[in-house]
Amino acid sequence: MAVSITCFFQPGCMGCMEQSPINYEVSQPPHVHIEEIDAVKNPGYIKKYSMRATPAIVIEKDGSEKERFEGVVHREQPESAIKKYL
């Protein structure tokens, strides 16, 4: 039952720059890894996840998308979602 958390961003995106330190706070206890992927350099993800905005946080469990947050989100939202799937 593997849980993966990915945050898609774009260079120069103000919201993405704001989201990055929030992701760091979220990754602290329970010590989860949030992979950050440049959506511009990896356009296949845009199609795969039908992304409409960045930043976008995708939470998957066993390869299946469980939750998604688009735009800047406060720590409590992804933190609460992640705890449901750990």
C-alpha atoms as a PDB file:
ATOM      1  CA  MET A   1       0.000   0.000   0.000  1.00  0.00           C
ATOM      2  CA  ALA A   2       2.377   2.652  -1.279  1.00  0.00           C
ATOM      3  CA  VAL A   3       1.441   6.310  -1.019  1.00  0.00           C
ATOM      4  CA  SER A   4       3.099   8.844  -3.305  1.00  0.00           C
ATOM      5  CA  ILE A   5       2.744  12.608  -3.212  1.00  0.00           C
ATOM      6  CA  THR A   6       3.741  14.689  -6.216  1.00  0.00           C
ATOM      7  CA  CYS A   7       3.703  18.444  -6.599  1.00  0.00           C
ATOM      8  CA  PHE A   8       3.814  19.764 -10.157  1.00  0.00           C
ATOM      9  CA  PHE A   9       5.203  23.256 -10.665  1.00  0.00           C
ATOM     10  CA  GLN A  10       6.349  25.687 -13.358  1.00  0.00           C
ATOM     11  CA  PRO A  11       9.480  27.824 -13.126  1.00  0.00           C
ATOM     12  CA  GLY A  12       8.619  31.451 -12.405  1.00  0.00           C
ATOM     13  CA  CYS A  13       5.117  30.592 -11.147  1.00  0.00           C
ATOM     14  CA  MET A  14       4.471  32.765  -8.077  1.00  0.00           C
ATOM     15  CA  GLY A  15       1.979  30.285  -6.628  1.00  0.00           C
ATOM     16  CA  CYS A  16       4.487  27.464  -7.096  1.00  0.00           C
ATOM     17  CA  MET A  17       7.154  29.424  -5.247  1.00  0.00           C
ATOM     18  CA  GLU A  18       4.674  30.040  -2.443  1.00  0.00           C
ATOM     19  CA  GLN A  19       3.677  26.347  -2.319  1.00  0.00           C
ATOM     20  CA  SER A  20       7.238  24.988  -2.033  1.00  0.00           C
ATOM     21  CA  PRO A  21       7.869  25.980   1.638  1.00  0.00           C
ATOM     22  CA  ILE A  22       4.368  24.772   2.530  1.00  0.00           C
ATOM     23  CA  ASN A  23       5.234  21.387   1.009  1.00  0.00           C
ATOM     24  CA  TYR A  24       8.376  21.317   3.158  1.00  0.00           C
ATOM     25  CA  GLU A  25       6.264  21.849   6.300  1.00  0.00           C
ATOM     26  CA  VAL A  26       3.886  19.071   5.232  1.00  0.00           C
ATOM     27  CA  SER A  27       6.769  16.662   4.617  1.00  0.00           C
ATOM     28  CA  GLN A  28       7.995  16.975   8.203  1.00  0.00           C
ATOM     29  CA  PRO A  29       6.441  14.529  10.678  1.00  0.00           C
ATOM     30  CA  PRO A  30       5.101  12.081   9.477  1.00  0.00           C
ATOM     31  CA  HIS A  31       8.246  12.361   7.283  1.00  0.00           C
ATOM     32  CA  VAL A  32       6.670  11.908   3.869  1.00  0.00           C
ATOM     33  CA  HIS A  33       8.497  12.632   0.640  1.00  0.00           C
ATOM     34  CA  ILE A  34       6.845  15.073  -1.736  1.00  0.00           C
ATOM     35  CA  GLU A  35       8.330  14.739  -5.192  1.00  0.00           C
ATOM     36  CA  GLU A  36       8.432  18.034  -7.075  1.00  0.00           C
ATOM     37  CA  ILE A  37       8.208  17.790 -10.867  1.00  0.00           C
ATOM     38  CA  ASP A  38       8.619  20.596 -13.382  1.00  0.00           C
ATOM     39  CA  ALA A  39       5.464  20.278 -15.501  1.00  0.00           C
ATOM     40  CA  VAL A  40       7.035  22.280 -18.353  1.00  0.00           C
ATOM     41  CA  LYS A  41      10.015  19.932 -18.684  1.00  0.00           C
ATOM     42  CA  ASN A  42       7.753  16.892 -18.287  1.00  0.00           C
ATOM     43  CA  PRO A  43       4.682  17.662 -20.438  1.00  0.00           C
ATOM     44  CA  GLY A  44       3.520  14.044 -20.413  1.00  0.00           C
ATOM     45  CA  TYR A  45       2.314  14.562 -16.841  1.00  0.00           C
ATOM     46  CA  ILE A  46       0.041  17.420 -17.928  1.00  0.00           C
ATOM     47  CA  LYS A  47      -1.832  15.047 -20.211  1.00  0.00           C
ATOM     48  CA  LYS A  48      -1.670  12.048 -17.858  1.00  0.00           C
ATOM     49  CA  TYR A  49      -3.201  13.988 -14.946  1.00  0.00           C
ATOM     50  CA  SER A  50      -5.320  16.394 -17.041  1.00  0.00           C
ATOM     51  CA  MET A  51      -3.726  19.289 -15.177  1.00  0.00           C
ATOM     52  CA  ARG A  52      -5.281  22.697 -15.555  1.00  0.00           C
ATOM     53  CA  ALA A  53      -3.154  24.659 -13.096  1.00  0.00           C
ATOM     54  CA  THR A  54       0.059  24.680 -11.130  1.00  0.00           C
ATOM     55  CA  PRO A  55       0.950  24.153  -8.447  1.00  0.00           C
ATOM     56  CA  ALA A  56      -0.894  20.856  -8.375  1.00  0.00           C
ATOM     57  CA  ILE A  57      -0.488  18.270  -5.629  1.00  0.00           C
ATOM     58  CA  VAL A  58      -1.520  14.720  -6.486  1.00  0.00           C
ATOM     59  CA  ILE A  59      -1.849  12.054  -3.799  1.00  0.00           C
ATOM     60  CA  GLU A  60      -1.814   8.478  -5.067  1.00  0.00           C
ATOM     61  CA  LYS A  61      -2.143   5.178  -3.265  1.00  0.00           C
ATOM     62  CA  ASP A  62      -1.168   1.955  -5.014  1.00  0.00           C
ATOM     63  CA  GLY A  63      -0.938   3.833  -8.326  1.00  0.00           C
ATOM     64  CA  SER A  64      -4.464   5.255  -8.137  1.00  0.00           C
ATOM     65  CA  GLU A  65      -5.137   8.979  -7.699  1.00  0.00           C
ATOM     66  CA  LYS A  66      -6.953   9.594  -4.435  1.00  0.00           C
ATOM     67  CA  GLU A  67      -6.891  13.372  -4.055  1.00  0.00           C
ATOM     68  CA  ARG A  68      -5.696  16.439  -5.919  1.00  0.00           C
ATOM     69  CA  PHE A  69      -5.199  20.054  -4.958  1.00  0.00           C
ATOM     70  CA  GLU A  70      -4.701  22.717  -7.625  1.00  0.00           C
ATOM     71  CA  GLY A  71      -3.405  26.170  -6.834  1.00  0.00           C
ATOM     72  CA  VAL A  72      -1.793  27.220  -3.576  1.00  0.00           C
ATOM     73  CA  VAL A  73      -3.159  25.291  -0.609  1.00  0.00           C
ATOM     74  CA  HIS A  74      -2.492  25.777   3.074  1.00  0.00           C
ATOM     75  CA  ARG A  75      -0.650  23.073   4.967  1.00  0.00           C
ATOM     76  CA  GLU A  76      -3.716  21.632   6.672  1.00  0.00           C
ATOM     77  CA  GLN A  77      -5.403  20.466   3.471  1.00  0.00           C
ATOM     78  CA  PRO A  78      -2.693  18.181   2.029  1.00  0.00           C
ATOM     79  CA  GLU A  79      -1.563  17.190   5.524  1.00  0.00           C
ATOM     80  CA  SER A  80      -5.055  15.929   6.398  1.00  0.00           C
ATOM     81  CA  ALA A  81      -5.385  14.104   3.063  1.00  0.00           C
ATOM     82  CA  ILE A  82      -1.992  12.409   3.378  1.00  0.00           C
ATOM     83  CA  LYS A  83      -2.769  11.126   6.870  1.00  0.00           C
ATOM     84  CA  LYS A  84      -5.891   9.378   5.502  1.00  0.00           C
ATOM     85  CA  TYR A  85      -3.795   7.257   3.153  1.00  0.00           C
ATOM     86  CA  LEU A  86      -0.727   6.427   5.264  1.00  0.00           C
END
